[in-house]
Amino acid sequence: MFLVDAFDQTIRKLKAQTANVLTLANLGLGGCAILVGINGQLHLSLLLIFIAALADRFDGIVARKMQIESEMGKQLDSMSDIISFGVAPALLLYQGILNLFGFPGIFLTVFFIGCGAFRLARFNITENNGYFMGLPITSAGCLLTLSYLAIPYFPPNSFLFISLILSILMISTFTFKKV
């Protein structure tokens, strides 16, 4: 009997942590994206950010389906998101093109990260009503990451504008329907 009870308890604990494991995978992928980006492997960084987006998408789905949503999971998700969709995309674009602009490039890189952090903090303290206030950091980070692919095709100054617009949209009071 003891072995069966121990096994059941272990399974329940693993089930309860499934979403958090996916969230930590998101965080790990974002951290790896930063490290490989710093080392000049920008295409790999881009790939890791998009895989992190998949992990981020699935952690919420798993938490809702398994009814294991928690305040800790929400906070952990936000901390992971600032790494994977704030810092990693901002550094990717900085390494890819914004570094050419000196201080304005540095400022917009840090501004994007700061706006993402503000957006996540506001999300964590507001009521969930089926709408997002401001562009979610996951969307903004993925769009910024996607813009990296356009570097050969767009004028360099346009990336300053893209970064600024995405930053402002994150802290705006526009509402976006949750999908």
N, C-alpha and C. Protein backbone atom coordinates (compact mmCIF):
# COMPACT_ATOMS: atom_id res chain seq x y z
N MET A 1 0.80 -1.19 0.00
CA MET A 1 0.00 0.00 0.00
C MET A 1 0.86 1.27 0.00
N PHE A 2 1.92 1.26 0.80
CA PHE A 2 2.79 2.43 0.90
C PHE A 2 3.36 2.81 -0.46
N LEU A 3 3.79 1.85 -1.24
CA LEU A 3 4.39 2.11 -2.55
C LEU A 3 3.38 2.72 -3.51
N VAL A 4 2.15 2.23 -3.49
CA VAL A 4 1.10 2.75 -4.35
C VAL A 4 0.77 4.19 -3.96
N ASP A 5 0.65 4.46 -2.67
CA ASP A 5 0.38 5.83 -2.21
C ASP A 5 1.51 6.78 -2.59
N ALA A 6 2.73 6.35 -2.42
CA ALA A 6 3.89 7.18 -2.78
C ALA A 6 3.90 7.46 -4.28
N PHE A 7 3.57 6.45 -5.08
CA PHE A 7 3.53 6.62 -6.53
C PHE A 7 2.43 7.60 -6.92
N ASP A 8 1.24 7.47 -6.33
CA ASP A 8 0.13 8.38 -6.61
C ASP A 8 0.47 9.81 -6.22
N GLN A 9 1.10 9.98 -5.09
CA GLN A 9 1.48 11.31 -4.63
C GLN A 9 2.53 11.93 -5.57
N THR A 10 3.46 11.13 -6.03
CA THR A 10 4.49 11.62 -6.96
C THR A 10 3.85 12.04 -8.28
N ILE A 11 2.92 11.25 -8.78
CA ILE A 11 2.22 11.59 -10.03
C ILE A 11 1.45 12.90 -9.86
N ARG A 12 0.77 13.07 -8.73
CA ARG A 12 0.02 14.31 -8.49
C ARG A 12 0.95 15.52 -8.45
N LYS A 13 2.11 15.38 -7.83
CA LYS A 13 3.08 16.48 -7.75
C LYS A 13 3.63 16.81 -9.14
N LEU A 14 3.93 15.79 -9.91
CA LEU A 14 4.43 16.03 -11.27
C LEU A 14 3.37 16.72 -12.12
N LYS A 15 2.14 16.28 -12.01
CA LYS A 15 1.04 16.90 -12.75
C LYS A 15 0.91 18.37 -12.38
N ALA A 16 1.01 18.66 -11.09
CA ALA A 16 0.87 20.03 -10.61
C ALA A 16 1.98 20.94 -11.12
N GLN A 17 3.12 20.38 -11.46
CA GLN A 17 4.27 21.19 -11.90
C GLN A 17 4.47 21.19 -13.42
N THR A 18 3.60 20.52 -14.17
CA THR A 18 3.76 20.42 -15.62
C THR A 18 3.84 21.79 -16.28
N ALA A 19 2.92 22.67 -15.96
CA ALA A 19 2.91 24.00 -16.56
C ALA A 19 4.17 24.78 -16.17
N ASN A 20 4.60 24.64 -14.91
CA ASN A 20 5.80 25.35 -14.47
C ASN A 20 7.05 24.84 -15.19
N VAL A 21 7.09 23.56 -15.50
CA VAL A 21 8.22 23.01 -16.25
C VAL A 21 8.26 23.64 -17.65
N LEU A 22 7.10 23.80 -18.28
CA LEU A 22 7.05 24.45 -19.60
C LEU A 22 7.45 25.92 -19.48
N THR A 23 7.04 26.57 -18.40
CA THR A 23 7.42 27.96 -18.17
C THR A 23 8.94 28.08 -18.00
N LEU A 24 9.52 27.16 -17.25
CA LEU A 24 10.97 27.18 -17.07
C LEU A 24 11.70 26.84 -18.36
N ALA A 25 11.08 26.03 -19.22
CA ALA A 25 11.66 25.77 -20.55
C ALA A 25 11.68 27.07 -21.35
N ASN A 26 10.59 27.84 -21.27
CA ASN A 26 10.52 29.16 -21.91
C ASN A 26 11.68 30.03 -21.41
N LEU A 27 11.85 30.08 -20.10
CA LEU A 27 12.93 30.88 -19.50
C LEU A 27 14.30 30.40 -19.98
N GLY A 28 14.52 29.09 -19.96
CA GLY A 28 15.81 28.54 -20.39
C GLY A 28 16.10 28.84 -21.85
N LEU A 29 15.08 28.72 -22.69
CA LEU A 29 15.27 29.02 -24.11
C LEU A 29 15.59 30.50 -24.33
N GLY A 30 14.91 31.36 -23.57
CA GLY A 30 15.20 32.79 -23.66
C GLY A 30 16.61 33.11 -23.20
N GLY A 31 17.04 32.48 -22.11
CA GLY A 31 18.41 32.67 -21.63
C GLY A 31 19.43 32.19 -22.65
N CYS A 32 19.17 31.05 -23.25
CA CYS A 32 20.07 30.53 -24.29
C CYS A 32 20.09 31.47 -25.50
N ALA A 33 18.92 32.02 -25.86
CA ALA A 33 18.85 32.95 -26.98
C ALA A 33 19.74 34.17 -26.72
N ILE A 34 19.74 34.65 -25.49
CA ILE A 34 20.59 35.79 -25.13
C ILE A 34 22.06 35.41 -25.26
N LEU A 35 22.41 34.27 -24.70
CA LEU A 35 23.83 33.86 -24.71
C LEU A 35 24.36 33.61 -26.12
N VAL A 36 23.58 32.92 -26.94
CA VAL A 36 24.06 32.67 -28.31
C VAL A 36 24.06 33.95 -29.13
N GLY A 37 23.11 34.85 -28.83
CA GLY A 37 23.10 36.14 -29.52
C GLY A 37 24.32 36.98 -29.19
N ILE A 38 24.71 36.98 -27.92
CA ILE A 38 25.91 37.70 -27.51
C ILE A 38 27.14 37.14 -28.21
N ASN A 39 27.12 35.84 -28.46
CA ASN A 39 28.24 35.19 -29.15
C ASN A 39 28.13 35.27 -30.67
N GLY A 40 27.18 36.05 -31.17
CA GLY A 40 27.11 36.30 -32.60
C GLY A 40 26.28 35.32 -33.41
N GLN A 41 25.67 34.35 -32.77
CA GLN A 41 24.83 33.38 -33.49
C GLN A 41 23.39 33.88 -33.50
N LEU A 42 23.16 34.93 -34.29
CA LEU A 42 21.88 35.63 -34.24
C LEU A 42 20.73 34.80 -34.81
N HIS A 43 20.99 34.00 -35.84
CA HIS A 43 19.92 33.17 -36.39
C HIS A 43 19.47 32.10 -35.39
N LEU A 44 20.41 31.54 -34.66
CA LEU A 44 20.06 30.57 -33.62
C LEU A 44 19.29 31.25 -32.50
N SER A 45 19.68 32.46 -32.16
CA SER A 45 18.96 33.22 -31.14
C SER A 45 17.50 33.41 -31.57
N LEU A 46 17.30 33.79 -32.83
CA LEU A 46 15.95 33.96 -33.36
C LEU A 46 15.14 32.67 -33.23
N LEU A 47 15.72 31.56 -33.59
CA LEU A 47 15.04 30.27 -33.50
C LEU A 47 14.67 29.94 -32.05
N LEU A 48 15.58 30.17 -31.14
CA LEU A 48 15.31 29.88 -29.73
C LEU A 48 14.19 30.74 -29.16
N ILE A 49 14.11 31.99 -29.61
CA ILE A 49 13.03 32.88 -29.16
C ILE A 49 11.68 32.34 -29.63
N PHE A 50 11.62 31.87 -30.87
CA PHE A 50 10.35 31.34 -31.37
C PHE A 50 9.98 30.01 -30.70
N ILE A 51 10.96 29.19 -30.37
CA ILE A 51 10.66 27.96 -29.63
C ILE A 51 10.18 28.31 -28.21
N ALA A 52 10.77 29.35 -27.62
CA ALA A 52 10.31 29.83 -26.31
C ALA A 52 8.85 30.28 -26.40
N ALA A 53 8.47 30.90 -27.52
CA ALA A 53 7.08 31.32 -27.70
C ALA A 53 6.14 30.12 -27.70
N LEU A 54 6.57 29.03 -28.30
CA LEU A 54 5.75 27.80 -28.27
C LEU A 54 5.60 27.28 -26.84
N ALA A 55 6.70 27.24 -26.11
CA ALA A 55 6.64 26.79 -24.71
C ALA A 55 5.73 27.70 -23.90
N ASP A 56 5.80 29.01 -24.16
CA ASP A 56 4.95 29.97 -23.45
C ASP A 56 3.49 29.74 -23.78
N ARG A 57 3.21 29.45 -25.03
CA ARG A 57 1.82 29.20 -25.45
C ARG A 57 1.27 27.95 -24.76
N PHE A 58 2.08 26.91 -24.72
CA PHE A 58 1.61 25.64 -24.16
C PHE A 58 1.52 25.65 -22.64
N ASP A 59 2.33 26.45 -21.96
CA ASP A 59 2.25 26.43 -20.49
C ASP A 59 0.89 26.92 -20.01
N GLY A 60 0.36 27.95 -20.65
CA GLY A 60 -0.97 28.44 -20.28
C GLY A 60 -2.06 27.45 -20.62
N ILE A 61 -1.95 26.82 -21.78
CA ILE A 61 -2.94 25.82 -22.19
C ILE A 61 -2.95 24.66 -21.21
N VAL A 62 -1.76 24.16 -20.87
CA VAL A 62 -1.64 23.03 -19.95
C VAL A 62 -2.20 23.40 -18.58
N ALA A 63 -1.87 24.60 -18.10
CA ALA A 63 -2.35 25.01 -16.77
C ALA A 63 -3.87 25.07 -16.73
N ARG A 64 -4.48 25.59 -17.79
CA ARG A 64 -5.95 25.67 -17.81
C ARG A 64 -6.59 24.29 -17.97
N LYS A 65 -6.06 23.49 -18.88
CA LYS A 65 -6.64 22.14 -19.11
C LYS A 65 -6.53 21.26 -17.88
N MET A 66 -5.39 21.34 -17.19
CA MET A 66 -5.18 20.49 -16.02
C MET A 66 -5.66 21.15 -14.73
N GLN A 67 -6.20 22.36 -14.87
CA GLN A 67 -6.72 23.13 -13.73
C GLN A 67 -5.65 23.27 -12.64
N ILE A 68 -4.47 23.71 -13.06
CA ILE A 68 -3.35 23.89 -12.12
C ILE A 68 -2.83 25.32 -12.16
N GLU A 69 -3.72 26.27 -12.51
CA GLU A 69 -3.31 27.67 -12.52
C GLU A 69 -3.04 28.11 -11.08
N SER A 70 -1.99 28.91 -10.93
CA SER A 70 -1.66 29.40 -9.59
C SER A 70 -1.05 30.79 -9.70
N GLU A 71 -1.05 31.49 -8.58
CA GLU A 71 -0.42 32.81 -8.53
C GLU A 71 1.08 32.69 -8.79
N MET A 72 1.70 31.65 -8.24
CA MET A 72 3.13 31.45 -8.47
C MET A 72 3.41 31.20 -9.95
N GLY A 73 2.56 30.40 -10.58
CA GLY A 73 2.72 30.14 -12.01
C GLY A 73 2.61 31.41 -12.84
N LYS A 74 1.68 32.28 -12.45
CA LYS A 74 1.50 33.56 -13.15
C LYS A 74 2.75 34.43 -13.02
N GLN A 75 3.29 34.51 -11.82
CA GLN A 75 4.49 35.32 -11.59
C GLN A 75 5.70 34.73 -12.31
N LEU A 76 5.85 33.42 -12.25
CA LEU A 76 6.96 32.74 -12.92
C LEU A 76 6.87 32.95 -14.43
N ASP A 77 5.66 32.90 -14.97
CA ASP A 77 5.46 33.13 -16.39
C ASP A 77 5.90 34.54 -16.78
N SER A 78 5.56 35.52 -15.96
CA SER A 78 5.96 36.90 -16.26
C SER A 78 7.47 37.07 -16.22
N MET A 79 8.11 36.46 -15.23
CA MET A 79 9.57 36.55 -15.16
C MET A 79 10.23 35.88 -16.35
N SER A 80 9.66 34.78 -16.78
CA SER A 80 10.20 34.10 -17.97
C SER A 80 9.98 34.95 -19.21
N ASP A 81 8.79 35.57 -19.31
CA ASP A 81 8.47 36.38 -20.48
C ASP A 81 9.39 37.59 -20.63
N ILE A 82 9.78 38.21 -19.53
CA ILE A 82 10.67 39.37 -19.66
C ILE A 82 12.03 38.96 -20.22
N ILE A 83 12.45 37.74 -19.92
CA ILE A 83 13.72 37.24 -20.47
C ILE A 83 13.55 36.87 -21.94
N SER A 84 12.55 36.03 -22.22
CA SER A 84 12.39 35.47 -23.57
C SER A 84 11.82 36.45 -24.59
N PHE A 85 10.98 37.39 -24.15
CA PHE A 85 10.32 38.28 -25.11
C PHE A 85 10.60 39.76 -24.87
N GLY A 86 11.40 40.04 -23.85
CA GLY A 86 11.86 41.40 -23.61
C GLY A 86 13.34 41.51 -23.90
N VAL A 87 14.14 40.87 -23.07
CA VAL A 87 15.60 40.99 -23.19
C VAL A 87 16.13 40.32 -24.46
N ALA A 88 15.73 39.07 -24.70
CA ALA A 88 16.29 38.33 -25.85
C ALA A 88 16.00 39.01 -27.19
N PRO A 89 14.75 39.39 -27.50
CA PRO A 89 14.51 40.06 -28.79
C PRO A 89 15.19 41.43 -28.88
N ALA A 90 15.20 42.17 -27.77
CA ALA A 90 15.84 43.49 -27.79
C ALA A 90 17.34 43.36 -28.08
N LEU A 91 17.99 42.39 -27.43
CA LEU A 91 19.42 42.18 -27.69
C LEU A 91 19.68 41.64 -29.10
N LEU A 92 18.77 40.80 -29.58
CA LEU A 92 18.91 40.29 -30.95
C LEU A 92 18.90 41.45 -31.94
N LEU A 93 17.93 42.34 -31.81
CA LEU A 93 17.85 43.46 -32.74
C LEU A 93 19.00 44.43 -32.52
N TYR A 94 19.42 44.60 -31.27
CA TYR A 94 20.56 45.46 -31.00
C TYR A 94 21.81 44.91 -31.68
N GLN A 95 22.06 43.62 -31.50
CA GLN A 95 23.23 42.98 -32.13
C GLN A 95 23.10 43.02 -33.66
N GLY A 96 21.88 42.88 -34.16
CA GLY A 96 21.67 42.82 -35.60
C GLY A 96 21.79 44.15 -36.30
N ILE A 97 21.29 45.25 -35.67
CA ILE A 97 21.31 46.54 -36.38
C ILE A 97 21.32 47.77 -35.47
N LEU A 98 20.66 47.72 -34.33
CA LEU A 98 20.53 48.94 -33.52
C LEU A 98 21.86 49.43 -32.97
N ASN A 99 22.86 48.56 -32.89
CA ASN A 99 24.18 48.99 -32.40
C ASN A 99 24.83 50.01 -33.34
N LEU A 100 24.37 50.08 -34.56
CA LEU A 100 24.93 51.04 -35.52
C LEU A 100 24.56 52.48 -35.18
N PHE A 101 23.55 52.66 -34.33
CA PHE A 101 23.03 54.00 -34.05
C PHE A 101 23.56 54.61 -32.76
N GLY A 102 24.47 53.95 -32.09
CA GLY A 102 25.04 54.49 -30.86
C GLY A 102 24.01 54.60 -29.76
N PHE A 103 23.97 55.79 -29.10
CA PHE A 103 23.07 55.98 -27.97
C PHE A 103 21.60 55.73 -28.30
N PRO A 104 21.06 56.23 -29.43
CA PRO A 104 19.65 55.94 -29.72
C PRO A 104 19.37 54.43 -29.79
N GLY A 105 20.28 53.67 -30.33
CA GLY A 105 20.09 52.22 -30.38
C GLY A 105 20.10 51.59 -28.99
N ILE A 106 21.03 52.06 -28.15
CA ILE A 106 21.09 51.56 -26.77
C ILE A 106 19.80 51.96 -26.03
N PHE A 107 19.40 53.22 -26.18
CA PHE A 107 18.21 53.71 -25.49
C PHE A 107 16.98 52.90 -25.87
N LEU A 108 16.77 52.67 -27.17
CA LEU A 108 15.57 51.95 -27.60
C LEU A 108 15.61 50.47 -27.19
N THR A 109 16.80 49.91 -27.10
CA THR A 109 16.93 48.53 -26.62
C THR A 109 16.47 48.45 -25.16
N VAL A 110 16.98 49.35 -24.34
CA VAL A 110 16.62 49.37 -22.91
C VAL A 110 15.16 49.81 -22.73
N PHE A 111 14.70 50.73 -23.56
CA PHE A 111 13.31 51.20 -23.50
C PHE A 111 12.34 50.05 -23.78
N PHE A 112 12.64 49.23 -24.77
CA PHE A 112 11.80 48.08 -25.10
C PHE A 112 11.71 47.14 -23.89
N ILE A 113 12.85 46.86 -23.28
CA ILE A 113 12.87 45.97 -22.11
C ILE A 113 12.07 46.58 -20.96
N GLY A 114 12.26 47.87 -20.71
CA GLY A 114 11.53 48.55 -19.64
C GLY A 114 10.03 48.57 -19.87
N CYS A 115 9.62 48.84 -21.11
CA CYS A 115 8.19 48.84 -21.42
C CYS A 115 7.60 47.44 -21.26
N GLY A 116 8.37 46.43 -21.63
CA GLY A 116 7.92 45.05 -21.44
C GLY A 116 7.74 44.72 -19.98
N ALA A 117 8.67 45.15 -19.14
CA ALA A 117 8.57 44.90 -17.70
C ALA A 117 7.35 45.63 -17.12
N PHE A 118 7.13 46.87 -17.56
CA PHE A 118 5.97 47.64 -17.10
C PHE A 118 4.68 46.94 -17.51
N ARG A 119 4.64 46.48 -18.75
CA ARG A 119 3.46 45.79 -19.28
C ARG A 119 3.14 44.53 -18.46
N LEU A 120 4.17 43.76 -18.13
CA LEU A 120 3.98 42.54 -17.35
C LEU A 120 3.53 42.85 -15.92
N ALA A 121 4.11 43.87 -15.32
CA ALA A 121 3.72 44.25 -13.97
C ALA A 121 2.25 44.69 -13.94
N ARG A 122 1.86 45.48 -14.92
CA ARG A 122 0.46 45.93 -14.99
C ARG A 122 -0.48 44.74 -15.18
N PHE A 123 -0.08 43.80 -16.04
CA PHE A 123 -0.89 42.61 -16.27
C PHE A 123 -1.08 41.82 -14.97
N ASN A 124 -0.02 41.70 -14.19
CA ASN A 124 -0.08 40.90 -12.97
C ASN A 124 -0.95 41.49 -11.88
N ILE A 125 -1.21 42.79 -11.94
CA ILE A 125 -2.01 43.41 -10.88
C ILE A 125 -3.42 43.80 -11.33
N THR A 126 -3.74 43.57 -12.60
CA THR A 126 -5.07 43.94 -13.09
C THR A 126 -5.96 42.70 -13.22
N GLU A 127 -7.25 42.96 -13.26
CA GLU A 127 -8.25 41.90 -13.38
C GLU A 127 -8.25 41.35 -14.81
N ASN A 128 -8.42 40.06 -14.94
CA ASN A 128 -8.47 39.39 -16.24
C ASN A 128 -9.90 39.42 -16.74
N ASN A 129 -10.16 40.16 -17.83
CA ASN A 129 -11.53 40.29 -18.32
C ASN A 129 -11.69 39.86 -19.78
N GLY A 130 -10.79 39.07 -20.30
CA GLY A 130 -10.90 38.63 -21.69
C GLY A 130 -10.18 39.54 -22.67
N TYR A 131 -9.58 40.62 -22.16
CA TYR A 131 -8.84 41.56 -23.00
C TYR A 131 -7.48 41.84 -22.37
N PHE A 132 -6.52 42.13 -23.22
CA PHE A 132 -5.21 42.60 -22.76
C PHE A 132 -5.21 44.11 -22.86
N MET A 133 -4.65 44.78 -21.87
CA MET A 133 -4.44 46.22 -21.99
C MET A 133 -2.99 46.40 -22.43
N GLY A 134 -2.82 46.95 -23.61
CA GLY A 134 -1.49 47.07 -24.19
C GLY A 134 -1.13 45.79 -24.92
N LEU A 135 -0.25 45.92 -25.87
CA LEU A 135 0.20 44.76 -26.64
C LEU A 135 0.95 43.81 -25.72
N PRO A 136 0.57 42.53 -25.67
CA PRO A 136 1.30 41.58 -24.82
C PRO A 136 2.78 41.50 -25.20
N ILE A 137 3.63 41.33 -24.21
CA ILE A 137 5.07 41.28 -24.45
C ILE A 137 5.44 40.11 -25.36
N THR A 138 4.70 39.02 -25.29
CA THR A 138 5.00 37.89 -26.16
C THR A 138 4.82 38.30 -27.61
N SER A 139 3.75 38.99 -27.92
CA SER A 139 3.50 39.45 -29.29
C SER A 139 4.54 40.47 -29.71
N ALA A 140 4.81 41.44 -28.85
CA ALA A 140 5.78 42.48 -29.18
C ALA A 140 7.17 41.87 -29.39
N GLY A 141 7.56 40.95 -28.51
CA GLY A 141 8.86 40.30 -28.64
C GLY A 141 8.98 39.47 -29.91
N CYS A 142 7.91 38.76 -30.24
CA CYS A 142 7.94 37.95 -31.47
C CYS A 142 7.98 38.85 -32.71
N LEU A 143 7.24 39.96 -32.68
CA LEU A 143 7.29 40.89 -33.82
C LEU A 143 8.67 41.54 -33.95
N LEU A 144 9.27 41.91 -32.83
CA LEU A 144 10.62 42.48 -32.88
C LEU A 144 11.61 41.45 -33.41
N THR A 145 11.45 40.21 -32.95
CA THR A 145 12.32 39.13 -33.43
C THR A 145 12.12 38.91 -34.92
N LEU A 146 10.89 38.91 -35.36
CA LEU A 146 10.58 38.72 -36.77
C LEU A 146 11.16 39.86 -37.61
N SER A 147 11.19 41.06 -37.05
CA SER A 147 11.73 42.20 -37.80
C SER A 147 13.22 42.01 -38.11
N TYR A 148 13.90 41.22 -37.29
CA TYR A 148 15.32 40.92 -37.54
C TYR A 148 15.51 40.34 -38.94
N LEU A 149 14.55 39.53 -39.39
CA LEU A 149 14.65 38.92 -40.72
C LEU A 149 14.55 39.94 -41.84
N ALA A 150 14.01 41.11 -41.53
CA ALA A 150 13.84 42.15 -42.55
C ALA A 150 15.03 43.10 -42.65
N ILE A 151 16.06 42.88 -41.87
CA ILE A 151 17.21 43.79 -41.89
C ILE A 151 17.78 44.00 -43.29
N PRO A 152 17.93 42.97 -44.11
CA PRO A 152 18.48 43.21 -45.45
C PRO A 152 17.54 43.98 -46.38
N TYR A 153 16.26 44.07 -46.01
CA TYR A 153 15.27 44.63 -46.94
C TYR A 153 14.75 46.01 -46.55
N PHE A 154 14.88 46.40 -45.29
CA PHE A 154 14.35 47.68 -44.83
C PHE A 154 15.50 48.63 -44.56
N PRO A 155 15.25 49.94 -44.68
CA PRO A 155 16.29 50.90 -44.31
C PRO A 155 16.62 50.78 -42.82
N PRO A 156 17.87 50.93 -42.46
CA PRO A 156 18.28 50.76 -41.05
C PRO A 156 17.47 51.60 -40.06
N ASN A 157 17.13 52.84 -40.42
CA ASN A 157 16.37 53.71 -39.50
C ASN A 157 15.00 53.14 -39.15
N SER A 158 14.44 52.32 -40.01
CA SER A 158 13.10 51.79 -39.76
C SER A 158 13.07 50.91 -38.51
N PHE A 159 14.20 50.33 -38.13
CA PHE A 159 14.23 49.46 -36.96
C PHE A 159 14.18 50.26 -35.66
N LEU A 160 14.64 51.50 -35.71
CA LEU A 160 14.45 52.39 -34.56
C LEU A 160 12.96 52.63 -34.37
N PHE A 161 12.28 52.88 -35.47
CA PHE A 161 10.84 53.14 -35.46
C PHE A 161 10.06 51.91 -35.00
N ILE A 162 10.38 50.75 -35.52
CA ILE A 162 9.70 49.50 -35.14
C ILE A 162 9.84 49.26 -33.64
N SER A 163 11.04 49.41 -33.14
CA SER A 163 11.30 49.19 -31.72
C SER A 163 10.51 50.18 -30.87
N LEU A 164 10.49 51.44 -31.27
CA LEU A 164 9.76 52.47 -30.53
C LEU A 164 8.26 52.20 -30.53
N ILE A 165 7.70 51.88 -31.69
CA ILE A 165 6.25 51.64 -31.80
C ILE A 165 5.83 50.43 -30.96
N LEU A 166 6.59 49.35 -31.04
CA LEU A 166 6.25 48.16 -30.25
C LEU A 166 6.34 48.45 -28.75
N SER A 167 7.32 49.25 -28.36
CA SER A 167 7.47 49.63 -26.95
C SER A 167 6.26 50.42 -26.48
N ILE A 168 5.87 51.40 -27.26
CA ILE A 168 4.73 52.25 -26.89
C ILE A 168 3.43 51.44 -26.87
N LEU A 169 3.27 50.53 -27.82
CA LEU A 169 2.06 49.70 -27.84
C LEU A 169 1.96 48.83 -26.59
N MET A 170 3.09 48.37 -26.06
CA MET A 170 3.05 47.54 -24.85
C MET A 170 2.52 48.32 -23.65
N ILE A 171 2.87 49.60 -23.54
CA ILE A 171 2.45 50.38 -22.36
C ILE A 171 1.19 51.20 -22.62
N SER A 172 0.66 51.08 -23.82
CA SER A 172 -0.55 51.83 -24.17
C SER A 172 -1.76 51.28 -23.41
N THR A 173 -2.87 52.00 -23.51
CA THR A 173 -4.11 51.53 -22.90
C THR A 173 -5.05 50.93 -23.94
N PHE A 174 -4.52 50.68 -25.14
CA PHE A 174 -5.33 49.99 -26.15
C PHE A 174 -5.67 48.60 -25.63
N THR A 175 -6.86 48.14 -25.98
CA THR A 175 -7.22 46.78 -25.56
C THR A 175 -7.13 45.83 -26.75
N PHE A 176 -6.65 44.64 -26.48
CA PHE A 176 -6.50 43.58 -27.48
C PHE A 176 -7.24 42.36 -26.95
N LYS A 177 -8.11 41.79 -27.77
CA LYS A 177 -8.86 40.60 -27.36
C LYS A 177 -7.90 39.42 -27.20
N LYS A 178 -8.10 38.67 -26.11
CA LYS A 178 -7.29 37.47 -25.90
C LYS A 178 -7.69 36.40 -26.90
N VAL A 179 -6.70 35.68 -27.39
CA VAL A 179 -6.98 34.62 -28.36
C VAL A 179 -6.74 33.28 -27.72
